[in-house]
Every structure is written in structure tokens, then in C-alpha cells.
All heavy atoms as atom14 arrays in JSON, in Angstrom:
{
  "sequence": "GSSLYLKKNKGFIDRHHLVTYCTIFVCEEGC",
  "atom14_mask": [
    [1, 1, 1, 1, 0, 0, 0, 0, 0, 0, 0, 0, 0, 0],
    [1, 1, 1, 1, 1, 1, 0, 0, 0, 0, 0, 0, 0, 0],
    [1, 1, 1, 1, 1, 1, 0, 0, 0, 0, 0, 0, 0, 0],
    [1, 1, 1, 1, 1, 1, 1, 1, 0, 0, 0, 0, 0, 0],
    [1, 1, 1, 1, 1, 1, 1, 1, 1, 1, 1, 1, 0, 0],
    [1, 1, 1, 1, 1, 1, 1, 1, 0, 0, 0, 0, 0, 0],
    [1, 1, 1, 1, 1, 1, 1, 1, 1, 0, 0, 0, 0, 0],
    [1, 1, 1, 1, 1, 1, 1, 1, 1, 0, 0, 0, 0, 0],
    [1, 1, 1, 1, 1, 1, 1, 1, 0, 0, 0, 0, 0, 0],
    [1, 1, 1, 1, 1, 1, 1, 1, 1, 0, 0, 0, 0, 0],
    [1, 1, 1, 1, 0, 0, 0, 0, 0, 0, 0, 0, 0, 0],
    [1, 1, 1, 1, 1, 1, 1, 1, 1, 1, 1, 0, 0, 0],
    [1, 1, 1, 1, 1, 1, 1, 1, 0, 0, 0, 0, 0, 0],
    [1, 1, 1, 1, 1, 1, 1, 1, 0, 0, 0, 0, 0, 0],
    [1, 1, 1, 1, 1, 1, 1, 1, 1, 1, 1, 0, 0, 0],
    [1, 1, 1, 1, 1, 1, 1, 1, 1, 1, 0, 0, 0, 0],
    [1, 1, 1, 1, 1, 1, 1, 1, 1, 1, 0, 0, 0, 0],
    [1, 1, 1, 1, 1, 1, 1, 1, 0, 0, 0, 0, 0, 0],
    [1, 1, 1, 1, 1, 1, 1, 0, 0, 0, 0, 0, 0, 0],
    [1, 1, 1, 1, 1, 1, 1, 0, 0, 0, 0, 0, 0, 0],
    [1, 1, 1, 1, 1, 1, 1, 1, 1, 1, 1, 1, 0, 0],
    [1, 1, 1, 1, 1, 1, 0, 0, 0, 0, 0, 0, 0, 0],
    [1, 1, 1, 1, 1, 1, 1, 0, 0, 0, 0, 0, 0, 0],
    [1, 1, 1, 1, 1, 1, 1, 1, 0, 0, 0, 0, 0, 0],
    [1, 1, 1, 1, 1, 1, 1, 1, 1, 1, 1, 0, 0, 0],
    [1, 1, 1, 1, 1, 1, 1, 0, 0, 0, 0, 0, 0, 0],
    [1, 1, 1, 1, 1, 1, 0, 0, 0, 0, 0, 0, 0, 0],
    [1, 1, 1, 1, 1, 1, 1, 1, 1, 0, 0, 0, 0, 0],
    [1, 1, 1, 1, 1, 1, 1, 1, 1, 0, 0, 0, 0, 0],
    [1, 1, 1, 1, 0, 0, 0, 0, 0, 0, 0, 0, 0, 0],
    [1, 1, 1, 1, 1, 1, 0, 0, 0, 0, 0, 0, 0, 0]
  ],
  "atom14_positions": [
    [[4.37, -1.85, 2.73], [4.98, -0.74, 3.44], [4.45, -0.65, 4.86], [3.75, -1.55, 5.34], [0.0, 0.0, 0.0], [0.0, 0.0, 0.0], [0.0, 0.0, 0.0], [0.0, 0.0, 0.0], [0.0, 0.0, 0.0], [0.0, 0.0, 0.0], [0.0, 0.0, 0.0], [0.0, 0.0, 0.0], [0.0, 0.0, 0.0], [0.0, 0.0, 0.0]],
    [[4.75, 0.43, 5.53], [4.38, 0.63, 6.93], [2.93, 1.04, 7.06], [2.49, 2.01, 6.44], [5.29, 1.69, 7.54], [4.75, 2.18, 8.74], [0.0, 0.0, 0.0], [0.0, 0.0, 0.0], [0.0, 0.0, 0.0], [0.0, 0.0, 0.0], [0.0, 0.0, 0.0], [0.0, 0.0, 0.0], [0.0, 0.0, 0.0], [0.0, 0.0, 0.0]],
    [[2.2, 0.31, 7.9], [0.82, 0.7, 8.17], [0.78, 2.05, 8.89], [-0.14, 2.86, 8.68], [0.12, -0.37, 9.02], [0.8, -0.57, 10.24], [0.0, 0.0, 0.0], [0.0, 0.0, 0.0], [0.0, 0.0, 0.0], [0.0, 0.0, 0.0], [0.0, 0.0, 0.0], [0.0, 0.0, 0.0], [0.0, 0.0, 0.0], [0.0, 0.0, 0.0]],
    [[1.79, 2.31, 9.73], [1.84, 3.58, 10.45], [1.99, 4.75, 9.48], [1.36, 5.8, 9.64], [2.98, 3.57, 11.46], [3.03, 4.74, 12.44], [1.78, 4.76, 13.29], [4.27, 4.65, 13.31], [0.0, 0.0, 0.0], [0.0, 0.0, 0.0], [0.0, 0.0, 0.0], [0.0, 0.0, 0.0], [0.0, 0.0, 0.0], [0.0, 0.0, 0.0]],
    [[2.83, 4.58, 8.46], [3.0, 5.63, 7.45], [1.67, 5.92, 6.75], [1.31, 7.08, 6.53], [4.05, 5.19, 6.42], [4.14, 6.09, 5.21], [4.8, 7.31, 5.28], [3.57, 5.73, 4.0], [4.88, 8.15, 4.17], [3.63, 6.55, 2.89], [4.29, 7.76, 2.98], [4.36, 8.59, 1.89], [0.0, 0.0, 0.0], [0.0, 0.0, 0.0]],
    [[0.94, 4.87, 6.4], [-0.35, 5.06, 5.74], [-1.34, 5.76, 6.67], [-2.1, 6.64, 6.23], [-0.91, 3.71, 5.29], [-0.17, 3.02, 4.14], [-0.72, 1.63, 3.92], [-0.26, 3.85, 2.86], [0.0, 0.0, 0.0], [0.0, 0.0, 0.0], [0.0, 0.0, 0.0], [0.0, 0.0, 0.0], [0.0, 0.0, 0.0], [0.0, 0.0, 0.0]],
    [[-1.35, 5.39, 7.93], [-2.27, 6.01, 8.88], [-1.96, 7.49, 9.05], [-2.86, 8.33, 9.1], [-2.19, 5.3, 10.22], [-2.8, 3.9, 10.21], [-2.5, 3.15, 11.5], [-2.97, 1.71, 11.43], [-2.59, 0.94, 12.64], [0.0, 0.0, 0.0], [0.0, 0.0, 0.0], [0.0, 0.0, 0.0], [0.0, 0.0, 0.0], [0.0, 0.0, 0.0]],
    [[-0.68, 7.82, 9.14], [-0.29, 9.22, 9.32], [-0.73, 10.08, 8.15], [-0.95, 11.28, 8.3], [1.23, 9.32, 9.49], [1.74, 8.92, 10.86], [3.23, 9.13, 10.97], [3.73, 8.84, 12.37], [5.19, 9.03, 12.49], [0.0, 0.0, 0.0], [0.0, 0.0, 0.0], [0.0, 0.0, 0.0], [0.0, 0.0, 0.0], [0.0, 0.0, 0.0]],
    [[-0.85, 9.47, 6.99], [-1.18, 10.23, 5.78], [-2.56, 9.92, 5.24], [-2.87, 10.22, 4.09], [-0.11, 9.97, 4.71], [1.23, 10.53, 5.1], [1.45, 11.73, 5.03], [2.13, 9.66, 5.54], [0.0, 0.0, 0.0], [0.0, 0.0, 0.0], [0.0, 0.0, 0.0], [0.0, 0.0, 0.0], [0.0, 0.0, 0.0], [0.0, 0.0, 0.0]],
    [[-3.42, 9.32, 6.09], [-4.8, 9.0, 5.74], [-4.88, 8.14, 4.48], [-5.8, 8.27, 3.67], [-5.64, 10.26, 5.58], [-6.06, 10.88, 6.9], [-7.15, 11.91, 6.74], [-7.64, 12.36, 8.12], [-8.7, 13.4, 8.01], [0.0, 0.0, 0.0], [0.0, 0.0, 0.0], [0.0, 0.0, 0.0], [0.0, 0.0, 0.0], [0.0, 0.0, 0.0]],
    [[-3.91, 7.25, 4.34], [-3.94, 6.31, 3.22], [-4.25, 4.9, 3.65], [-4.29, 3.99, 2.83], [0.0, 0.0, 0.0], [0.0, 0.0, 0.0], [0.0, 0.0, 0.0], [0.0, 0.0, 0.0], [0.0, 0.0, 0.0], [0.0, 0.0, 0.0], [0.0, 0.0, 0.0], [0.0, 0.0, 0.0], [0.0, 0.0, 0.0], [0.0, 0.0, 0.0]],
    [[-4.49, 4.71, 4.94], [-4.71, 3.37, 5.48], [-6.14, 2.91, 5.22], [-7.1, 3.64, 5.45], [-4.44, 3.37, 6.99], [-4.57, 2.02, 7.64], [-3.57, 1.08, 7.52], [-5.7, 1.7, 8.38], [-3.67, -0.16, 8.13], [-5.82, 0.47, 9.0], [-4.81, -0.47, 8.87], [0.0, 0.0, 0.0], [0.0, 0.0, 0.0], [0.0, 0.0, 0.0]],
    [[-6.28, 1.67, 4.7], [-7.6, 1.07, 4.49], [-7.84, 0.02, 5.56], [-8.78, 0.1, 6.34], [-7.7, 0.46, 3.09], [-7.55, 1.55, 2.01], [-9.03, -0.28, 2.92], [-7.51, 1.02, 0.6], [0.0, 0.0, 0.0], [0.0, 0.0, 0.0], [0.0, 0.0, 0.0], [0.0, 0.0, 0.0], [0.0, 0.0, 0.0], [0.0, 0.0, 0.0]],
    [[-6.99, -0.99, 5.59], [-7.03, -2.03, 6.62], [-5.7, -2.77, 6.57], [-4.82, -2.44, 5.78], [-8.22, -2.99, 6.43], [-8.25, -3.63, 5.05], [-7.16, -3.99, 4.53], [-9.34, -3.77, 4.48], [0.0, 0.0, 0.0], [0.0, 0.0, 0.0], [0.0, 0.0, 0.0], [0.0, 0.0, 0.0], [0.0, 0.0, 0.0], [0.0, 0.0, 0.0]],
    [[-5.56, -3.79, 7.42], [-4.28, -4.49, 7.52], [-3.97, -5.37, 6.31], [-2.87, -5.9, 6.2], [-4.26, -5.33, 8.81], [-4.29, -4.5, 10.07], [-4.15, -5.35, 11.32], [-4.28, -4.57, 12.52], [-3.31, -3.83, 13.06], [-2.13, -3.79, 12.47], [-3.51, -3.14, 14.16], [0.0, 0.0, 0.0], [0.0, 0.0, 0.0], [0.0, 0.0, 0.0]],
    [[-4.95, -5.55, 5.43], [-4.71, -6.34, 4.23], [-4.15, -5.47, 3.09], [-3.46, -5.97, 2.21], [-6.0, -7.02, 3.77], [-6.6, -7.93, 4.78], [-6.02, -9.13, 5.14], [-7.72, -7.81, 5.54], [-6.76, -9.72, 6.06], [-7.78, -8.94, 6.32], [0.0, 0.0, 0.0], [0.0, 0.0, 0.0], [0.0, 0.0, 0.0], [0.0, 0.0, 0.0]],
    [[-4.48, -4.19, 3.09], [-4.05, -3.28, 2.02], [-2.8, -2.52, 2.44], [-2.85, -1.36, 2.85], [-5.18, -2.31, 1.68], [-6.34, -2.93, 1.0], [-7.29, -3.66, 1.67], [-6.71, -2.94, -0.32], [-8.2, -4.09, 0.82], [-7.86, -3.68, -0.4], [0.0, 0.0, 0.0], [0.0, 0.0, 0.0], [0.0, 0.0, 0.0], [0.0, 0.0, 0.0]],
    [[-1.66, -3.2, 2.34], [-0.39, -2.6, 2.74], [0.63, -2.53, 1.6], [1.75, -2.06, 1.79], [0.22, -3.39, 3.91], [-0.58, -3.4, 5.21], [0.14, -4.26, 6.25], [-0.79, -1.98, 5.75], [0.0, 0.0, 0.0], [0.0, 0.0, 0.0], [0.0, 0.0, 0.0], [0.0, 0.0, 0.0], [0.0, 0.0, 0.0], [0.0, 0.0, 0.0]],
    [[0.27, -2.99, 0.41], [1.2, -2.96, -0.73], [1.31, -1.54, -1.23], [0.34, -0.95, -1.72], [0.72, -3.9, -1.85], [1.66, -3.78, -3.06], [0.66, -5.34, -1.37], [0.0, 0.0, 0.0], [0.0, 0.0, 0.0], [0.0, 0.0, 0.0], [0.0, 0.0, 0.0], [0.0, 0.0, 0.0], [0.0, 0.0, 0.0], [0.0, 0.0, 0.0]],
    [[2.52, -0.97, -1.12], [2.73, 0.43, -1.51], [3.93, 0.62, -2.44], [4.18, 1.74, -2.88], [2.94, 1.31, -0.26], [3.99, 0.74, 0.55], [1.67, 1.39, 0.57], [0.0, 0.0, 0.0], [0.0, 0.0, 0.0], [0.0, 0.0, 0.0], [0.0, 0.0, 0.0], [0.0, 0.0, 0.0], [0.0, 0.0, 0.0], [0.0, 0.0, 0.0]],
    [[4.67, -0.44, -2.73], [5.86, -0.34, -3.58], [5.76, -1.29, -4.76], [5.21, -2.39, -4.65], [7.13, -0.66, -2.79], [7.38, 0.24, -1.62], [7.03, -0.15, -0.32], [7.98, 1.49, -1.79], [7.27, 0.67, 0.77], [8.22, 2.32, -0.7], [7.86, 1.9, 0.57], [8.09, 2.73, 1.64], [0.0, 0.0, 0.0], [0.0, 0.0, 0.0]],
    [[6.34, -0.87, -5.88], [6.43, -1.75, -7.05], [7.81, -1.57, -7.67], [8.27, -0.44, -7.89], [5.36, -1.4, -8.08], [5.46, -2.35, -9.62], [0.0, 0.0, 0.0], [0.0, 0.0, 0.0], [0.0, 0.0, 0.0], [0.0, 0.0, 0.0], [0.0, 0.0, 0.0], [0.0, 0.0, 0.0], [0.0, 0.0, 0.0], [0.0, 0.0, 0.0]],
    [[8.48, -2.69, -7.92], [9.79, -2.67, -8.59], [9.65, -3.27, -9.98], [9.16, -4.38, -10.14], [10.83, -3.48, -7.79], [10.98, -2.91, -6.49], [12.18, -3.46, -8.51], [0.0, 0.0, 0.0], [0.0, 0.0, 0.0], [0.0, 0.0, 0.0], [0.0, 0.0, 0.0], [0.0, 0.0, 0.0], [0.0, 0.0, 0.0], [0.0, 0.0, 0.0]],
    [[10.08, -2.51, -10.97], [10.1, -2.98, -12.36], [11.56, -3.25, -12.68], [12.34, -2.34, -12.98], [9.49, -1.93, -13.31], [8.07, -1.57, -12.82], [9.45, -2.44, -14.74], [7.49, -0.34, -13.48], [0.0, 0.0, 0.0], [0.0, 0.0, 0.0], [0.0, 0.0, 0.0], [0.0, 0.0, 0.0], [0.0, 0.0, 0.0], [0.0, 0.0, 0.0]],
    [[11.94, -4.52, -12.59], [13.35, -4.9, -12.7], [13.76, -5.05, -14.16], [13.19, -5.82, -14.93], [13.58, -6.22, -11.97], [14.95, -6.79, -12.19], [16.07, -6.14, -11.68], [15.12, -7.96, -12.92], [17.34, -6.67, -11.89], [16.38, -8.48, -13.13], [17.5, -7.84, -12.62], [0.0, 0.0, 0.0], [0.0, 0.0, 0.0], [0.0, 0.0, 0.0]],
    [[14.8, -4.26, -14.54], [15.31, -4.32, -15.91], [16.78, -4.72, -15.93], [17.21, -5.53, -16.75], [15.12, -2.97, -16.63], [15.78, -2.98, -18.01], [13.63, -2.65, -16.76], [0.0, 0.0, 0.0], [0.0, 0.0, 0.0], [0.0, 0.0, 0.0], [0.0, 0.0, 0.0], [0.0, 0.0, 0.0], [0.0, 0.0, 0.0], [0.0, 0.0, 0.0]],
    [[17.57, -4.13, -15.02], [19.01, -4.42, -15.01], [19.54, -4.37, -13.58], [18.92, -3.79, -12.69], [19.75, -3.41, -15.88], [19.59, -1.7, -15.33], [0.0, 0.0, 0.0], [0.0, 0.0, 0.0], [0.0, 0.0, 0.0], [0.0, 0.0, 0.0], [0.0, 0.0, 0.0], [0.0, 0.0, 0.0], [0.0, 0.0, 0.0], [0.0, 0.0, 0.0]],
    [[20.69, -4.98, -13.37], [21.31, -5.04, -12.03], [21.99, -3.74, -11.64], [22.21, -3.48, -10.47], [22.35, -6.17, -12.0], [21.78, -7.57, -12.18], [21.25, -8.15, -10.87], [21.28, -7.42, -9.85], [20.79, -9.29, -10.88], [0.0, 0.0, 0.0], [0.0, 0.0, 0.0], [0.0, 0.0, 0.0], [0.0, 0.0, 0.0], [0.0, 0.0, 0.0]],
    [[22.31, -2.91, -12.61], [23.09, -1.7, -12.36], [22.4, -0.77, -11.36], [21.29, -0.29, -11.59], [23.3, -0.94, -13.68], [24.27, 0.22, -13.6], [25.72, -0.23, -13.51], [26.03, -1.33, -13.97], [26.53, 0.54, -12.97], [0.0, 0.0, 0.0], [0.0, 0.0, 0.0], [0.0, 0.0, 0.0], [0.0, 0.0, 0.0], [0.0, 0.0, 0.0]],
    [[23.05, -0.54, -10.22], [22.53, 0.4, -9.23], [21.29, -0.05, -8.49], [20.61, 0.78, -7.88], [0.0, 0.0, 0.0], [0.0, 0.0, 0.0], [0.0, 0.0, 0.0], [0.0, 0.0, 0.0], [0.0, 0.0, 0.0], [0.0, 0.0, 0.0], [0.0, 0.0, 0.0], [0.0, 0.0, 0.0], [0.0, 0.0, 0.0], [0.0, 0.0, 0.0]],
    [[21.0, -1.34, -8.54], [19.78, -1.83, -7.89], [19.82, -1.58, -6.38], [20.85, -1.69, -5.75], [19.61, -3.33, -8.13], [18.65, -3.71, -9.6], [0.0, 0.0, 0.0], [0.0, 0.0, 0.0], [0.0, 0.0, 0.0], [0.0, 0.0, 0.0], [0.0, 0.0, 0.0], [0.0, 0.0, 0.0], [0.0, 0.0, 0.0], [0.0, 0.0, 0.0]]
  ]
}
């Protein structure tokens, strides 16, 4: 995700820790 978003919300650690989303894919419907 956005490093700027993390910084604005005091969630930023460093430029390596930017993974903020996870998709659990089950079906194509509405993806």
C-alpha cells in the first residue's frame, strides 16, 4: 500500500514494511 497513508496514520515502519492488503481468492464473482 501507500507509504504516505501509513505515515499519516503512524503505521509506517520503514520502506520494506509496506504490505497492507491480503486477498483470499475463492471465486471470480464480483472480484
